[in-house]
Amino acid sequence: MYPALENQDEVKCMAGTPYYDMRGYFSNAKHTRHCLIEHPNKDIQTAVDTLVNDFGFDNCNGWLTQLSEEHKGDLEAILNKMEEDPIYRQHQKEATPAPPSPDYRNDNGFF
């Protein structure tokens, strides 16, 4: 469920449904996992920072900020609700490698 942390700033966006539409303001900017808007509520911002910095999630468009607001910074509730976001689910589906073929032989034809 948790994304890989390596070179996250160089990969495509994995955020869910946008909360803030920043395209017009930062159209030439390189993708970053951090939303450029900081929440005034310390508990909500702490939850967002934990999800981005410690768990490796993408909050470029503020979607985690919105979930954190809705669930008052409760990380367990936020993590559970993330799976219901259709855009996030689509990103996860695209990033998940295809399952192995049922033919488990190696390249030499042996099991």
N, C-alpha and C. Protein backbone atom coordinates (compact mmCIF):
# COMPACT_ATOMS: atom_id res chain seq x y z
N MET A 1 0.81 -1.19 0.00
CA MET A 1 0.00 0.00 0.00
C MET A 1 0.86 1.26 0.00
N TYR A 2 2.06 1.21 0.61
CA TYR A 2 2.90 2.40 0.68
C TYR A 2 3.78 2.49 -0.56
N PRO A 3 3.93 3.69 -1.12
CA PRO A 3 4.74 3.84 -2.33
C PRO A 3 6.23 3.77 -2.03
N ALA A 4 6.99 3.50 -3.06
CA ALA A 4 8.44 3.50 -2.93
C ALA A 4 8.92 4.92 -2.71
N LEU A 5 9.98 5.09 -1.94
CA LEU A 5 10.46 6.42 -1.60
C LEU A 5 11.57 6.94 -2.50
N GLU A 6 12.16 6.12 -3.33
CA GLU A 6 13.31 6.55 -4.11
C GLU A 6 12.90 7.52 -5.22
N ASN A 7 13.62 8.62 -5.34
CA ASN A 7 13.45 9.61 -6.40
C ASN A 7 12.00 9.98 -6.67
N GLN A 8 11.21 10.17 -5.63
CA GLN A 8 9.80 10.48 -5.80
C GLN A 8 9.58 11.78 -6.57
N ASP A 9 10.48 12.76 -6.44
CA ASP A 9 10.28 14.03 -7.11
C ASP A 9 10.49 13.93 -8.62
N GLU A 10 10.97 12.81 -9.10
CA GLU A 10 11.23 12.65 -10.52
C GLU A 10 10.23 11.72 -11.20
N VAL A 11 9.26 11.20 -10.46
CA VAL A 11 8.28 10.29 -11.05
C VAL A 11 6.98 11.03 -11.30
N LYS A 12 6.08 10.37 -12.02
CA LYS A 12 4.80 11.02 -12.33
C LYS A 12 3.94 11.17 -11.08
N CYS A 13 2.98 12.02 -11.18
CA CYS A 13 2.09 12.31 -10.07
C CYS A 13 1.31 11.06 -9.67
N MET A 14 1.27 10.81 -8.35
CA MET A 14 0.52 9.67 -7.82
C MET A 14 -0.57 10.14 -6.85
N ALA A 15 -0.88 11.44 -6.89
CA ALA A 15 -1.88 12.00 -5.98
C ALA A 15 -3.29 11.62 -6.43
N GLY A 16 -4.21 11.77 -5.50
CA GLY A 16 -5.61 11.49 -5.78
C GLY A 16 -6.33 12.72 -6.32
N THR A 17 -7.63 12.77 -6.11
CA THR A 17 -8.47 13.85 -6.61
C THR A 17 -7.99 15.21 -6.10
N PRO A 18 -7.72 16.16 -7.01
CA PRO A 18 -7.18 17.45 -6.59
C PRO A 18 -8.08 18.23 -5.63
N TYR A 19 -7.47 18.84 -4.67
CA TYR A 19 -8.13 19.74 -3.74
C TYR A 19 -7.88 21.18 -4.18
N TYR A 20 -6.65 21.45 -4.58
CA TYR A 20 -6.27 22.75 -5.10
C TYR A 20 -5.91 22.58 -6.57
N ASP A 21 -6.38 23.49 -7.42
CA ASP A 21 -6.00 23.47 -8.84
C ASP A 21 -4.85 24.44 -9.02
N MET A 22 -3.65 23.92 -9.08
CA MET A 22 -2.44 24.74 -9.13
C MET A 22 -1.88 24.83 -10.56
N ARG A 23 -2.54 24.20 -11.52
CA ARG A 23 -1.97 24.14 -12.87
C ARG A 23 -1.69 25.52 -13.46
N GLY A 24 -2.59 26.47 -13.27
CA GLY A 24 -2.41 27.80 -13.84
C GLY A 24 -1.28 28.59 -13.19
N TYR A 25 -0.97 28.26 -11.96
CA TYR A 25 0.05 29.00 -11.22
C TYR A 25 1.45 28.44 -11.44
N PHE A 26 1.54 27.13 -11.61
CA PHE A 26 2.84 26.48 -11.66
C PHE A 26 2.93 25.55 -12.87
N SER A 27 2.52 26.00 -14.03
CA SER A 27 2.46 25.13 -15.21
C SER A 27 3.83 24.63 -15.64
N ASN A 28 4.89 25.38 -15.38
CA ASN A 28 6.23 24.98 -15.79
C ASN A 28 7.03 24.32 -14.67
N ALA A 29 6.43 24.21 -13.51
CA ALA A 29 7.16 23.67 -12.35
C ALA A 29 7.31 22.16 -12.46
N LYS A 30 8.41 21.67 -11.92
CA LYS A 30 8.67 20.24 -11.85
C LYS A 30 7.79 19.63 -10.76
N HIS A 31 7.34 18.42 -10.96
CA HIS A 31 6.48 17.75 -9.98
C HIS A 31 7.19 17.59 -8.64
N THR A 32 6.44 17.80 -7.58
CA THR A 32 6.93 17.57 -6.23
C THR A 32 5.83 16.92 -5.41
N ARG A 33 6.19 16.08 -4.45
CA ARG A 33 5.19 15.40 -3.62
C ARG A 33 4.56 16.33 -2.60
N HIS A 34 5.17 17.49 -2.38
CA HIS A 34 4.68 18.43 -1.37
C HIS A 34 3.76 19.47 -1.99
N CYS A 35 2.62 19.70 -1.33
CA CYS A 35 1.73 20.78 -1.73
C CYS A 35 2.36 22.09 -1.30
N LEU A 36 2.24 23.12 -2.11
CA LEU A 36 2.87 24.39 -1.81
C LEU A 36 2.06 25.21 -0.81
N ILE A 37 0.87 24.75 -0.46
CA ILE A 37 0.02 25.44 0.51
C ILE A 37 0.11 24.70 1.84
N GLU A 38 0.46 25.41 2.88
CA GLU A 38 0.56 24.81 4.21
C GLU A 38 -0.73 25.08 4.98
N HIS A 39 -1.25 24.08 5.66
CA HIS A 39 -2.52 24.21 6.39
C HIS A 39 -2.30 24.97 7.70
N PRO A 40 -3.22 25.87 8.07
CA PRO A 40 -3.06 26.63 9.31
C PRO A 40 -3.27 25.80 10.59
N ASN A 41 -3.99 24.68 10.47
CA ASN A 41 -4.22 23.82 11.63
C ASN A 41 -3.00 22.90 11.79
N LYS A 42 -2.33 23.01 12.92
CA LYS A 42 -1.09 22.26 13.16
C LYS A 42 -1.30 20.75 13.08
N ASP A 43 -2.40 20.22 13.63
CA ASP A 43 -2.66 18.78 13.61
C ASP A 43 -2.85 18.26 12.20
N ILE A 44 -3.55 19.03 11.39
CA ILE A 44 -3.78 18.62 10.00
C ILE A 44 -2.48 18.67 9.21
N GLN A 45 -1.70 19.73 9.39
CA GLN A 45 -0.42 19.83 8.68
C GLN A 45 0.54 18.75 9.12
N THR A 46 0.53 18.40 10.40
CA THR A 46 1.39 17.32 10.90
C THR A 46 1.02 16.00 10.25
N ALA A 47 -0.27 15.73 10.12
CA ALA A 47 -0.72 14.49 9.46
C ALA A 47 -0.25 14.47 8.01
N VAL A 48 -0.42 15.59 7.31
CA VAL A 48 0.01 15.68 5.91
C VAL A 48 1.52 15.47 5.80
N ASP A 49 2.27 16.14 6.66
CA ASP A 49 3.73 16.00 6.63
C ASP A 49 4.15 14.55 6.89
N THR A 50 3.48 13.89 7.81
CA THR A 50 3.78 12.48 8.10
C THR A 50 3.51 11.61 6.88
N LEU A 51 2.38 11.83 6.23
CA LEU A 51 2.02 11.03 5.05
C LEU A 51 3.01 11.24 3.91
N VAL A 52 3.48 12.47 3.74
CA VAL A 52 4.40 12.77 2.64
C VAL A 52 5.83 12.41 2.99
N ASN A 53 6.31 12.88 4.14
CA ASN A 53 7.72 12.71 4.48
C ASN A 53 8.06 11.31 5.00
N ASP A 54 7.18 10.73 5.81
CA ASP A 54 7.48 9.43 6.42
C ASP A 54 6.92 8.26 5.62
N PHE A 55 5.74 8.44 5.02
CA PHE A 55 5.11 7.34 4.30
C PHE A 55 5.38 7.41 2.80
N GLY A 56 5.77 8.58 2.28
CA GLY A 56 6.13 8.70 0.86
C GLY A 56 4.99 8.98 -0.08
N PHE A 57 3.83 9.41 0.43
CA PHE A 57 2.69 9.69 -0.44
C PHE A 57 2.86 11.03 -1.15
N ASP A 58 2.07 11.22 -2.20
CA ASP A 58 2.11 12.40 -3.05
C ASP A 58 0.96 13.34 -2.67
N ASN A 59 1.27 14.57 -2.31
CA ASN A 59 0.25 15.56 -1.96
C ASN A 59 0.40 16.81 -2.83
N CYS A 60 0.86 16.65 -4.06
CA CYS A 60 1.15 17.80 -4.91
C CYS A 60 -0.06 18.69 -5.13
N ASN A 61 -1.26 18.12 -5.14
CA ASN A 61 -2.46 18.91 -5.41
C ASN A 61 -3.34 19.09 -4.17
N GLY A 62 -2.82 18.75 -3.01
CA GLY A 62 -3.55 18.97 -1.76
C GLY A 62 -4.57 17.91 -1.40
N TRP A 63 -4.61 16.80 -2.12
CA TRP A 63 -5.65 15.80 -1.84
C TRP A 63 -5.51 15.22 -0.44
N LEU A 64 -4.27 15.05 0.04
CA LEU A 64 -4.07 14.55 1.41
C LEU A 64 -4.44 15.61 2.44
N THR A 65 -4.28 16.87 2.08
CA THR A 65 -4.71 17.95 2.96
C THR A 65 -6.22 17.88 3.16
N GLN A 66 -6.94 17.67 2.07
CA GLN A 66 -8.39 17.57 2.17
C GLN A 66 -8.81 16.37 3.02
N LEU A 67 -8.20 15.21 2.79
CA LEU A 67 -8.52 14.03 3.60
C LEU A 67 -8.18 14.27 5.07
N SER A 68 -7.08 14.96 5.31
CA SER A 68 -6.68 15.26 6.69
C SER A 68 -7.68 16.19 7.36
N GLU A 69 -8.21 17.14 6.62
CA GLU A 69 -9.25 18.02 7.15
C GLU A 69 -10.49 17.21 7.51
N GLU A 70 -10.92 16.37 6.56
CA GLU A 70 -12.13 15.58 6.75
C GLU A 70 -12.03 14.66 7.97
N HIS A 71 -10.84 14.14 8.25
CA HIS A 71 -10.65 13.15 9.32
C HIS A 71 -9.86 13.71 10.49
N LYS A 72 -9.77 15.06 10.55
CA LYS A 72 -9.15 15.76 11.69
C LYS A 72 -7.74 15.24 12.02
N GLY A 73 -6.99 14.88 10.99
CA GLY A 73 -5.61 14.45 11.16
C GLY A 73 -5.43 13.01 11.62
N ASP A 74 -6.51 12.23 11.66
CA ASP A 74 -6.45 10.82 12.09
C ASP A 74 -5.83 9.99 10.96
N LEU A 75 -4.56 9.61 11.12
CA LEU A 75 -3.84 8.90 10.05
C LEU A 75 -4.51 7.60 9.63
N GLU A 76 -5.00 6.84 10.58
CA GLU A 76 -5.64 5.56 10.23
C GLU A 76 -6.87 5.79 9.36
N ALA A 77 -7.69 6.78 9.72
CA ALA A 77 -8.88 7.08 8.92
C ALA A 77 -8.50 7.59 7.54
N ILE A 78 -7.46 8.42 7.47
CA ILE A 78 -7.00 8.95 6.19
C ILE A 78 -6.52 7.82 5.29
N LEU A 79 -5.69 6.94 5.82
CA LEU A 79 -5.17 5.81 5.03
C LEU A 79 -6.30 4.92 4.53
N ASN A 80 -7.30 4.69 5.35
CA ASN A 80 -8.44 3.88 4.92
C ASN A 80 -9.25 4.57 3.83
N LYS A 81 -9.43 5.87 3.94
CA LYS A 81 -10.23 6.62 2.97
C LYS A 81 -9.51 6.80 1.64
N MET A 82 -8.17 6.82 1.66
CA MET A 82 -7.41 7.00 0.43
C MET A 82 -7.79 5.97 -0.63
N GLU A 83 -8.02 4.76 -0.18
CA GLU A 83 -8.32 3.67 -1.12
C GLU A 83 -9.62 3.88 -1.88
N GLU A 84 -10.48 4.77 -1.39
CA GLU A 84 -11.75 5.04 -2.06
C GLU A 84 -11.64 6.11 -3.14
N ASP A 85 -10.53 6.82 -3.20
CA ASP A 85 -10.35 7.89 -4.18
C ASP A 85 -10.13 7.28 -5.57
N PRO A 86 -10.99 7.59 -6.54
CA PRO A 86 -10.88 6.95 -7.86
C PRO A 86 -9.60 7.29 -8.61
N ILE A 87 -9.11 8.51 -8.50
CA ILE A 87 -7.89 8.89 -9.20
C ILE A 87 -6.69 8.20 -8.56
N TYR A 88 -6.64 8.17 -7.23
CA TYR A 88 -5.55 7.48 -6.54
C TYR A 88 -5.56 5.99 -6.90
N ARG A 89 -6.74 5.37 -6.92
CA ARG A 89 -6.83 3.94 -7.28
C ARG A 89 -6.31 3.71 -8.70
N GLN A 90 -6.64 4.62 -9.62
CA GLN A 90 -6.17 4.47 -11.00
C GLN A 90 -4.65 4.59 -11.05
N HIS A 91 -4.08 5.54 -10.31
CA HIS A 91 -2.62 5.67 -10.27
C HIS A 91 -1.98 4.41 -9.71
N GLN A 92 -2.57 3.85 -8.67
CA GLN A 92 -2.04 2.62 -8.08
C GLN A 92 -2.12 1.46 -9.07
N LYS A 93 -3.22 1.38 -9.79
CA LYS A 93 -3.40 0.32 -10.78
C LYS A 93 -2.34 0.43 -11.89
N GLU A 94 -2.09 1.65 -12.33
CA GLU A 94 -1.09 1.87 -13.39
C GLU A 94 0.32 1.57 -12.90
N ALA A 95 0.58 1.79 -11.62
CA ALA A 95 1.93 1.60 -11.07
C ALA A 95 2.20 0.17 -10.64
N THR A 96 1.16 -0.64 -10.52
CA THR A 96 1.33 -2.02 -10.06
C THR A 96 1.77 -2.91 -11.22
N PRO A 97 2.87 -3.62 -11.08
CA PRO A 97 3.32 -4.50 -12.17
C PRO A 97 2.34 -5.64 -12.39
N ALA A 98 2.33 -6.12 -13.61
CA ALA A 98 1.47 -7.24 -13.96
C ALA A 98 1.88 -8.48 -13.17
N PRO A 99 0.92 -9.31 -12.79
CA PRO A 99 1.27 -10.53 -12.06
C PRO A 99 2.08 -11.47 -12.95
N PRO A 100 2.87 -12.35 -12.37
CA PRO A 100 3.68 -13.27 -13.17
C PRO A 100 2.80 -14.24 -13.95
N SER A 101 3.35 -14.69 -15.02
CA SER A 101 2.66 -15.67 -15.84
C SER A 101 2.50 -16.97 -15.06
N PRO A 102 1.43 -17.72 -15.31
CA PRO A 102 1.29 -19.00 -14.61
C PRO A 102 2.37 -20.01 -14.97
N ASP A 103 3.11 -19.75 -16.04
CA ASP A 103 4.21 -20.61 -16.42
C ASP A 103 5.45 -20.17 -15.65
N TYR A 104 5.82 -20.91 -14.62
CA TYR A 104 6.89 -20.50 -13.71
C TYR A 104 8.27 -21.00 -14.12
N ARG A 105 8.43 -21.47 -15.34
CA ARG A 105 9.74 -21.93 -15.77
C ARG A 105 10.68 -20.75 -15.92
N ASN A 106 11.95 -21.00 -15.69
CA ASN A 106 12.93 -19.93 -15.88
C ASN A 106 13.26 -19.80 -17.36
N ASP A 107 14.20 -18.94 -17.70
CA ASP A 107 14.54 -18.69 -19.10
C ASP A 107 15.06 -19.93 -19.81
N ASN A 108 15.59 -20.92 -19.07
CA ASN A 108 16.12 -22.13 -19.68
C ASN A 108 15.05 -23.22 -19.84
N GLY A 109 13.81 -22.91 -19.44
CA GLY A 109 12.74 -23.89 -19.59
C GLY A 109 12.59 -24.81 -18.39
N PHE A 110 13.35 -24.58 -17.32
CA PHE A 110 13.27 -25.42 -16.11
C PHE A 110 12.52 -24.70 -15.02
N PHE A 111 11.96 -25.49 -14.12
CA PHE A 111 11.23 -24.92 -12.98
C PHE A 111 12.20 -24.55 -11.89
